[in-house]
C-alpha atoms as a PDB file:
ATOM      1  CA  MET A   1     130.080  89.428 103.789  1.00  0.00           C
ATOM      2  CA  LYS A   2     129.481  93.146 104.430  1.00  0.00           C
ATOM      3  CA  CYS A   3     127.547  94.103 107.535  1.00  0.00           C
ATOM      4  CA  PRO A   4     124.266  95.814 106.538  1.00  0.00           C
ATOM      5  CA  PHE A   5     124.571  98.127 109.551  1.00  0.00           C
ATOM      6  CA  CYS A   6     128.172  99.399 109.528  1.00  0.00           C
ATOM      7  CA  ASP A   7     129.627  98.035 106.239  1.00  0.00           C
ATOM      8  CA  GLY A   8     132.238  96.101 108.211  1.00  0.00           C
ATOM      9  CA  ASP A   9     133.601  93.183 106.224  1.00  0.00           C
ATOM     10  CA  GLU A  10     134.526  90.793 109.008  1.00  0.00           C
ATOM     11  CA  ASP A  11     131.972  88.599 110.734  1.00  0.00           C
ATOM     12  CA  ARG A  12     131.586  85.232 112.326  1.00  0.00           C
ATOM     13  CA  VAL A  13     128.924  82.633 111.631  1.00  0.00           C
ATOM     14  CA  ILE A  14     126.870  81.910 114.748  1.00  0.00           C
ATOM     15  CA  ASP A  15     124.421  79.380 113.305  1.00  0.00           C
ATOM     16  CA  SER A  16     123.826  77.581 109.995  1.00  0.00           C
ATOM     17  CA  ARG A  17     120.801  75.563 109.008  1.00  0.00           C
ATOM     18  CA  PRO A  18     119.041  74.362 105.842  1.00  0.00           C
ATOM     19  CA  ALA A  19     116.422  76.677 104.345  1.00  0.00           C
ATOM     20  CA  ARG A  20     114.107  76.772 101.337  1.00  0.00           C
ATOM     21  CA  GLU A  21     113.371  73.063 101.624  1.00  0.00           C
ATOM     22  CA  GLY A  22     117.074  72.187 101.610  1.00  0.00           C
ATOM     23  CA  SER A  23     117.995  74.236  98.544  1.00  0.00           C
ATOM     24  CA  ALA A  24     119.674  76.982 100.586  1.00  0.00           C
ATOM     25  CA  ILE A  25     121.628  77.534 103.766  1.00  0.00           C
ATOM     26  CA  ARG A  26     120.528  80.164 106.268  1.00  0.00           C
ATOM     27  CA  ARG A  27     123.413  81.668 108.220  1.00  0.00           C
ATOM     28  CA  ARG A  28     123.171  83.863 111.314  1.00  0.00           C
ATOM     29  CA  ARG A  29     126.198  86.159 111.444  1.00  0.00           C
ATOM     30  CA  GLU A  30     127.665  88.590 113.956  1.00  0.00           C
ATOM     31  CA  CYS A  31     129.656  91.603 112.752  1.00  0.00           C
ATOM     32  CA  LEU A  32     133.045  91.762 114.463  1.00  0.00           C
ATOM     33  CA  LYS A  33     133.107  95.566 114.080  1.00  0.00           C
ATOM     34  CA  CYS A  34     129.727  96.658 115.497  1.00  0.00           C
ATOM     35  CA  GLY A  35     128.543  93.426 117.153  1.00  0.00           C
ATOM     36  CA  ARG A  36     125.119  93.431 115.449  1.00  0.00           C
ATOM     37  CA  ARG A  37     123.649  90.253 114.044  1.00  0.00           C
ATOM     38  CA  PHE A  38     122.169  89.631 110.611  1.00  0.00           C
ATOM     39  CA  THR A  39     120.991  86.731 108.460  1.00  0.00           C
ATOM     40  CA  THR A  40     122.280  85.686 105.048  1.00  0.00           C
ATOM     41  CA  TYR A  41     121.149  82.968 102.664  1.00  0.00           C
ATOM     42  CA  GLU A  42     123.435  80.938 100.455  1.00  0.00           C
ATOM     43  CA  PHE A  43     121.977  79.086  97.491  1.00  0.00           C
ATOM     44  CA  VAL A  44     122.914  77.757  94.097  1.00  0.00           C
ATOM     45  CA  GLU A  45     122.449  80.421  91.473  1.00  0.00           C
ATOM     46  CA  GLU A  46     119.987  79.247  88.884  1.00  0.00           C
ATOM     47  CA  THR A  47     120.742  80.442  85.401  1.00  0.00           C
ATOM     48  CA  GLY A  48     118.848  80.431  82.189  1.00  0.00           C
ATOM     49  CA  ILE A  49     115.366  81.435  83.376  1.00  0.00           C
ATOM     50  CA  PHE A  50     114.131  84.614  81.726  1.00  0.00           C
ATOM     51  CA  VAL A  51     111.046  86.679  82.456  1.00  0.00           C
ATOM     52  CA  LEU A  52     109.045  87.821  79.449  1.00  0.00           C
ATOM     53  CA  LYS A  53     107.765  91.313  80.267  1.00  0.00           C
ATOM     54  CA  SER A  54     104.471  92.746  79.004  1.00  0.00           C
ATOM     55  CA  ASN A  55     106.368  95.122  76.674  1.00  0.00           C
ATOM     56  CA  GLY A  56     108.040  92.145  74.957  1.00  0.00           C
ATOM     57  CA  SER A  57     111.447  92.537  76.576  1.00  0.00           C
ATOM     58  CA  ARG A  58     113.207  89.734  78.446  1.00  0.00           C
ATOM     59  CA  GLU A  59     115.254  89.903  81.623  1.00  0.00           C
ATOM     60  CA  PRO A  60     116.840  87.306  83.891  1.00  0.00           C
ATOM     61  CA  PHE A  61     114.637  86.026  86.713  1.00  0.00           C
ATOM     62  CA  ASP A  62     115.347  88.013  89.892  1.00  0.00           C
ATOM     63  CA  ARG A  63     113.985  86.611  93.147  1.00  0.00           C
ATOM     64  CA  MET A  64     114.601  89.911  94.952  1.00  0.00           C
ATOM     65  CA  LYS A  65     112.105  91.734  92.711  1.00  0.00           C
ATOM     66  CA  ILE A  66     109.398  89.435  94.017  1.00  0.00           C
ATOM     67  CA  VAL A  67     110.548  89.947  97.606  1.00  0.00           C
ATOM     68  CA  LYS A  68     110.452  93.737  97.227  1.00  0.00           C
ATOM     69  CA  GLY A  69     107.006  93.734  95.612  1.00  0.00           C
ATOM     70  CA  ILE A  70     105.547  91.561  98.356  1.00  0.00           C
ATOM     71  CA  GLN A  71     107.207  93.619 101.097  1.00  0.00           C
ATOM     72  CA  ILE A  72     105.643  96.790  99.689  1.00  0.00           C
ATOM     73  CA  ALA A  73     102.191  95.153  99.576  1.00  0.00           C
ATOM     74  CA  CYS A  74     102.641  93.929 103.157  1.00  0.00           C
ATOM     75  CA  THR A  75     103.727  97.268 104.621  1.00  0.00           C
ATOM     76  CA  LYS A  76     102.087  97.778 108.033  1.00  0.00           C
ATOM     77  CA  ARG A  77     100.330  94.412 107.761  1.00  0.00           C
ATOM     78  CA  PRO A  78     100.675  91.493 110.201  1.00  0.00           C
ATOM     79  CA  VAL A  79     102.705  89.431 107.720  1.00  0.00           C
ATOM     80  CA  SER A  80     105.980  87.997 109.008  1.00  0.00           C
ATOM     81  CA  LEU A  81     109.219  87.779 107.078  1.00  0.00           C
ATOM     82  CA  GLU A  82     108.841  84.009 107.267  1.00  0.00           C
ATOM     83  CA  GLN A  83     105.456  84.212 105.528  1.00  0.00           C
ATOM     84  CA  ILE A  84     106.920  86.454 102.822  1.00  0.00           C
ATOM     85  CA  GLU A  85     109.828  84.027 102.390  1.00  0.00           C
ATOM     86  CA  GLU A  86     107.374  81.148 102.102  1.00  0.00           C
ATOM     87  CA  ILE A  87     105.417  82.908  99.334  1.00  0.00           C
ATOM     88  CA  VAL A  88     108.588  83.829  97.449  1.00  0.00           C
ATOM     89  CA  THR A  89     109.993  80.311  97.757  1.00  0.00           C
ATOM     90  CA  GLY A  90     106.737  78.884  96.396  1.00  0.00           C
ATOM     91  CA  VAL A  91     106.723  81.278  93.446  1.00  0.00           C
ATOM     92  CA  GLU A  92     110.400  80.605  92.734  1.00  0.00           C
ATOM     93  CA  ALA A  93     109.783  76.839  92.770  1.00  0.00           C
ATOM     94  CA  LYS A  94     107.007  77.290  90.206  1.00  0.00           C
ATOM     95  CA  VAL A  95     109.242  79.471  88.020  1.00  0.00           C
ATOM     96  CA  LEU A  96     112.031  76.886  88.097  1.00  0.00           C
ATOM     97  CA  ALA A  97     109.575  74.076  87.289  1.00  0.00           C
ATOM     98  CA  VAL A  98     108.360  75.755  84.086  1.00  0.00           C
ATOM     99  CA  ASP A  99     109.252  73.897  80.892  1.00  0.00           C
ATOM    100  CA  GLY A 100     111.691  75.896  78.810  1.00  0.00           C
ATOM    101  CA  HIS A 101     113.688  78.883  79.899  1.00  0.00           C
ATOM    102  CA  GLU A 102     111.006  81.561  79.910  1.00  0.00           C
ATOM    103  CA  VAL A 103     108.066  82.550  82.079  1.00  0.00           C
ATOM    104  CA  SER A 104     105.790  85.553  81.657  1.00  0.00           C
ATOM    105  CA  SER A 105     105.745  88.329  84.234  1.00  0.00           C
ATOM    106  CA  SER A 106     101.947  88.016  84.258  1.00  0.00           C
ATOM    107  CA  GLN A 107     102.193  84.370  85.347  1.00  0.00           C
ATOM    108  CA  ILE A 108     104.618  85.308  88.131  1.00  0.00           C
ATOM    109  CA  GLY A 109     102.205  88.043  89.251  1.00  0.00           C
ATOM    110  CA  GLU A 110      99.337  85.553  89.378  1.00  0.00           C
ATOM    111  CA  TRP A 111     101.416  83.177  91.520  1.00  0.00           C
ATOM    112  CA  VAL A 112     102.307  86.021  93.892  1.00  0.00           C
ATOM    113  CA  MET A 113      98.636  87.022  94.212  1.00  0.00           C
ATOM    114  CA  GLU A 114      97.715  83.398  94.869  1.00  0.00           C
ATOM    115  CA  GLY A 115     100.192  83.320  97.773  1.00  0.00           C
ATOM    116  CA  LEU A 116      99.105  86.692  99.143  1.00  0.00           C
ATOM    117  CA  ARG A 117      95.405  85.872  98.893  1.00  0.00           C
ATOM    118  CA  GLY A 118      95.835  83.026 101.376  1.00  0.00           C
ATOM    119  CA  THR A 119      98.076  85.093 103.658  1.00  0.00           C
ATOM    120  CA  ASP A 120      96.595  88.594 103.960  1.00  0.00           C
ATOM    121  CA  GLU A 121      93.665  89.939 101.958  1.00  0.00           C
ATOM    122  CA  VAL A 122      94.699  93.604 102.307  1.00  0.00           C
ATOM    123  CA  ALA A 123      98.196  92.847 100.999  1.00  0.00           C
ATOM    124  CA  TYR A 124      96.582  90.832  98.207  1.00  0.00           C
ATOM    125  CA  VAL A 125      94.360  93.741  97.153  1.00  0.00           C
ATOM    126  CA  ARG A 126      97.298  96.174  97.354  1.00  0.00           C
ATOM    127  CA  PHE A 127      99.440  93.963  95.122  1.00  0.00           C
ATOM    128  CA  ALA A 128      96.554  93.275  92.744  1.00  0.00           C
ATOM    129  CA  SER A 129      95.709  96.967  92.395  1.00  0.00           C
ATOM    130  CA  VAL A 130      99.245  97.719  91.202  1.00  0.00           C
ATOM    131  CA  TYR A 131      99.757  94.505  89.239  1.00  0.00           C
ATOM    132  CA  ARG A 132      96.417  94.627  87.423  1.00  0.00           C
ATOM    133  CA  ARG A 133      96.541  98.424  87.003  1.00  0.00           C
ATOM    134  CA  TYR A 134      92.956  99.133  87.957  1.00  0.00           C
ATOM    135  CA  ASP A 135      91.585 101.980  85.854  1.00  0.00           C
ATOM    136  CA  ASP A 136      88.619 102.812  88.042  1.00  0.00           C
ATOM    137  CA  VAL A 137      86.982 102.188  91.388  1.00  0.00           C
ATOM    138  CA  GLU A 138      84.553  99.622  89.946  1.00  0.00           C
ATOM    139  CA  GLN A 139      87.411  97.239  89.145  1.00  0.00           C
ATOM    140  CA  PHE A 140      88.667  97.634  92.700  1.00  0.00           C
ATOM    141  CA  VAL A 141      85.174  96.950  94.093  1.00  0.00           C
ATOM    142  CA  ARG A 142      84.845  93.809  91.940  1.00  0.00           C
ATOM    143  CA  GLU A 143      88.162  92.543  93.368  1.00  0.00           C
ATOM    144  CA  LEU A 144      86.888  93.081  96.922  1.00  0.00           C
ATOM    145  CA  GLN A 145      83.660  91.284  96.065  1.00  0.00           C
ATOM    146  CA  SER A 146      85.647  88.343  94.646  1.00  0.00           C
ATOM    147  CA  LEU A 147      87.139  87.971  98.126  1.00  0.00           C
ATOM    148  CA  GLY A 148      83.624  87.617  99.543  1.00  0.00           C
ATOM    149  CA  HIS A 149      83.311  91.147 100.929  1.00  0.00           C
ATOM    150  CA  PRO A 150      79.994  92.801 100.133  1.00  0.00           C
ATOM    151  CA  VAL A 151      80.373  96.406  99.043  1.00  0.00           C
ATOM    152  CA  SER A 152      77.391  98.722  99.500  1.00  0.00           C
ATOM    153  CA  ASN A 153      76.053 100.876  96.687  1.00  0.00           C
ATOM    154  CA  SER A 154      76.974 104.051  98.561  1.00  0.00           C
ATOM    155  CA  SER A 155      80.668 103.115  98.485  1.00  0.00           C
ATOM    156  CA  GLN A 156      80.474 102.338  94.774  1.00  0.00           C
ATOM    157  CA  SER A 157      79.183 105.803  93.931  1.00  0.00           C
ATOM    158  CA  ASN A 158      81.931 107.635  95.890  1.00  0.00           C
END
């Protein structure tokens, strides 16, 4: 395993424990070159699940795309890495439970928003604004109102 800090390729495992409800192993490692510690996850690679994109193309399911999208939405928000991992694990479980070998990107987006909505409303709105491609401020205001936040008329006209 390469160290993410110095690219050293020798490390030692300090701690191992089950993760993702027993479907993965979380390993704490220490780089023998620089001495810094980092975490890795080991899990069985699932094959055969494809994501149907809105343009009609298909691509293999990639858990890291979900992680990156959620991390961007949660930038400078009080959302822990554990909370992000929990959302991603929940979405991944739903993807793997789908009948057949295909799931739409829109369904994955809805599952992500469902997880974010219960975790951090600002991150939810950020993700939704990109995912749903709001065309105007009124759509954004309606999303805020759906969360139970009244929006005054003066803010709608700006």
